[in-house]
Amino acid sequence: MTKGWEAALAEASSPSWTRRVRAGRDLAPFAEVPEAAEALLELLLDAEDTAVTRQTAEALTRAGTLAAVRLIALAVAEADDNRADWLQTGVHDALVDSDGGLDVAAVCGELARHPEEAVRRGAADLSAWTDGNGL
């Protein structure tokens, strides 16, 4: 497993957007690991390709862990309006395809008490995306 983990970290900084998308998917289950979290946050805010943002947000939403959703919340807090739209699209894609198995709103509720203001702010926005949208 370590070998794939190291390969995914290397792919996260690739000039190829498809490799960065793959890295986001492969690293999402490791969101609690500091090195992976740092790379995932960069992928969520990818300045070169919105597909990387969207697919990484989707993978982290599917992971559904506190660490994964925390990273999305941080990205939402830092994102400009355009990037936030793509983050929202990735979250939406994961929730629509989840058959109700993901409870991002519950995780956002936990993050509402997070010590970092940016996480609380991003979690509030993320929670609003899931409220009233049929998700």
Protein backbone atom coordinates (compact mmCIF):
# COMPACT_ATOMS: atom_id res chain seq x y z
CA MET A 1 0.00 0.00 0.00
CA THR A 2 2.86 2.37 0.77
CA LYS A 3 4.13 2.14 -2.78
CA GLY A 4 0.76 3.34 -4.18
CA TRP A 5 0.63 6.05 -1.54
CA GLU A 6 4.03 7.40 -2.61
CA ALA A 7 3.07 7.20 -6.28
CA ALA A 8 -0.14 9.15 -5.59
CA LEU A 9 1.82 11.87 -3.79
CA ALA A 10 4.15 12.17 -6.76
CA GLU A 11 1.19 12.36 -9.17
CA ALA A 12 -0.36 15.22 -7.15
CA SER A 13 2.25 17.62 -8.52
CA SER A 14 2.22 16.31 -12.09
CA PRO A 15 1.82 18.78 -14.95
CA SER A 16 -0.84 16.41 -16.34
CA TRP A 17 -4.34 17.21 -15.11
CA THR A 18 -5.39 13.57 -15.56
CA ARG A 19 -2.61 12.43 -13.26
CA ARG A 20 -3.60 15.05 -10.69
CA VAL A 21 -7.22 13.83 -10.87
CA ARG A 22 -6.01 10.26 -10.28
CA ALA A 23 -3.89 11.47 -7.36
CA GLY A 24 -6.93 13.14 -5.76
CA ARG A 25 -8.91 9.91 -6.02
CA ASP A 26 -6.05 7.78 -4.74
CA LEU A 27 -5.18 10.09 -1.83
CA ALA A 28 -8.76 10.71 -0.62
CA PRO A 29 -8.81 7.65 1.68
CA PHE A 30 -5.67 9.01 3.37
CA ALA A 31 -7.06 12.49 4.18
CA GLU A 32 -6.06 12.14 7.83
CA VAL A 33 -2.37 11.75 6.92
CA PRO A 34 -0.69 15.19 6.97
CA GLU A 35 1.26 14.71 3.72
CA ALA A 36 -1.84 13.53 1.88
CA ALA A 37 -3.97 16.30 3.39
CA GLU A 38 -1.55 18.95 2.18
CA ALA A 39 -1.54 17.52 -1.34
CA LEU A 40 -5.33 17.11 -1.36
CA LEU A 41 -5.90 20.72 -0.34
CA GLU A 42 -3.67 21.83 -3.21
CA LEU A 43 -5.63 19.60 -5.59
CA LEU A 44 -8.94 21.02 -4.35
CA LEU A 45 -7.65 24.50 -5.15
CA ASP A 46 -5.87 23.47 -8.36
CA ALA A 47 -5.17 26.67 -10.27
CA GLU A 48 -4.77 25.03 -13.65
CA ASP A 49 -7.76 22.74 -14.13
CA THR A 50 -11.21 22.73 -12.59
CA ALA A 51 -11.58 19.02 -13.35
CA VAL A 52 -8.96 18.37 -10.68
CA THR A 53 -10.96 20.46 -8.20
CA ARG A 54 -14.23 18.74 -9.05
CA GLN A 55 -12.94 15.17 -9.03
CA THR A 56 -10.96 15.62 -5.82
CA ALA A 57 -13.99 17.12 -4.07
CA GLU A 58 -16.08 14.19 -5.27
CA ALA A 59 -13.52 11.63 -4.03
CA LEU A 60 -13.23 13.29 -0.63
CA THR A 61 -17.02 13.51 -0.29
CA ARG A 62 -17.29 9.83 -1.10
CA ALA A 63 -14.65 9.10 1.56
CA GLY A 64 -17.01 10.93 3.95
CA THR A 65 -14.60 11.02 6.88
CA LEU A 66 -14.20 13.97 9.20
CA ALA A 67 -10.69 14.53 7.81
CA ALA A 68 -11.92 14.41 4.21
CA VAL A 69 -14.82 16.80 4.71
CA ARG A 70 -12.58 19.11 6.75
CA LEU A 71 -10.34 19.49 3.71
CA ILE A 72 -13.30 20.38 1.51
CA ALA A 73 -14.43 22.93 4.11
CA LEU A 74 -10.96 24.50 4.17
CA ALA A 75 -10.93 24.68 0.38
CA VAL A 76 -14.39 26.26 0.32
CA ALA A 77 -13.22 28.90 2.79
CA GLU A 78 -10.21 29.74 0.59
CA ALA A 79 -11.82 29.40 -2.85
CA ASP A 80 -12.92 32.20 -5.13
CA ASP A 81 -16.48 32.01 -6.47
CA ASN A 82 -15.51 30.04 -9.59
CA ARG A 83 -13.49 27.46 -7.66
CA ALA A 84 -16.27 27.19 -5.07
CA ASP A 85 -18.73 26.37 -7.86
CA TRP A 86 -16.55 23.45 -8.95
CA LEU A 87 -16.11 22.27 -5.36
CA GLN A 88 -19.89 22.34 -4.99
CA THR A 89 -20.31 20.40 -8.23
CA GLY A 90 -17.93 17.67 -7.04
CA VAL A 91 -19.74 17.39 -3.70
CA HIS A 92 -23.09 17.31 -5.49
CA ASP A 93 -21.92 14.58 -7.88
CA ALA A 94 -20.87 12.36 -4.97
CA LEU A 95 -24.07 12.93 -3.02
CA VAL A 96 -26.38 12.35 -5.97
CA ASP A 97 -24.70 9.02 -6.73
CA SER A 98 -24.45 7.87 -3.10
CA ASP A 99 -27.95 6.35 -2.69
CA GLY A 100 -28.20 8.22 0.62
CA GLY A 101 -25.14 6.53 2.09
CA LEU A 102 -23.21 9.73 2.77
CA ASP A 103 -24.10 12.12 5.57
CA VAL A 104 -21.97 15.16 4.86
CA ALA A 105 -24.41 17.35 6.80
CA ALA A 106 -23.71 15.37 9.99
CA VAL A 107 -19.97 15.72 9.50
CA CYS A 108 -20.43 19.45 8.86
CA GLY A 109 -22.30 19.61 12.17
CA GLU A 110 -19.21 18.24 13.89
CA LEU A 111 -16.99 20.67 12.00
CA ALA A 112 -19.18 23.58 13.16
CA ARG A 113 -17.35 23.24 16.49
CA HIS A 114 -13.88 23.00 14.96
CA PRO A 115 -11.25 25.31 16.50
CA GLU A 116 -10.25 26.77 13.10
CA GLU A 117 -12.54 29.59 11.98
CA ALA A 118 -11.91 28.80 8.29
CA VAL A 119 -13.07 25.21 8.82
CA ARG A 120 -16.23 26.37 10.61
CA ARG A 121 -16.98 28.90 7.86
CA GLY A 122 -16.36 26.40 5.05
CA ALA A 123 -18.40 23.73 6.82
CA ALA A 124 -21.33 26.16 7.10
CA ASP A 125 -21.19 26.80 3.35
CA LEU A 126 -20.83 23.10 2.62
CA SER A 127 -23.77 22.31 4.87
CA ALA A 128 -25.89 24.89 3.07
CA TRP A 129 -25.11 23.13 -0.22
CA THR A 130 -26.66 19.93 1.12
CA ASP A 131 -29.74 21.62 2.66
CA GLY A 132 -32.79 22.02 0.50
CA ASN A 133 -31.13 20.76 -2.66
CA GLY A 134 -32.61 17.30 -2.61
CA LEU A 135 -29.30 15.85 -1.53
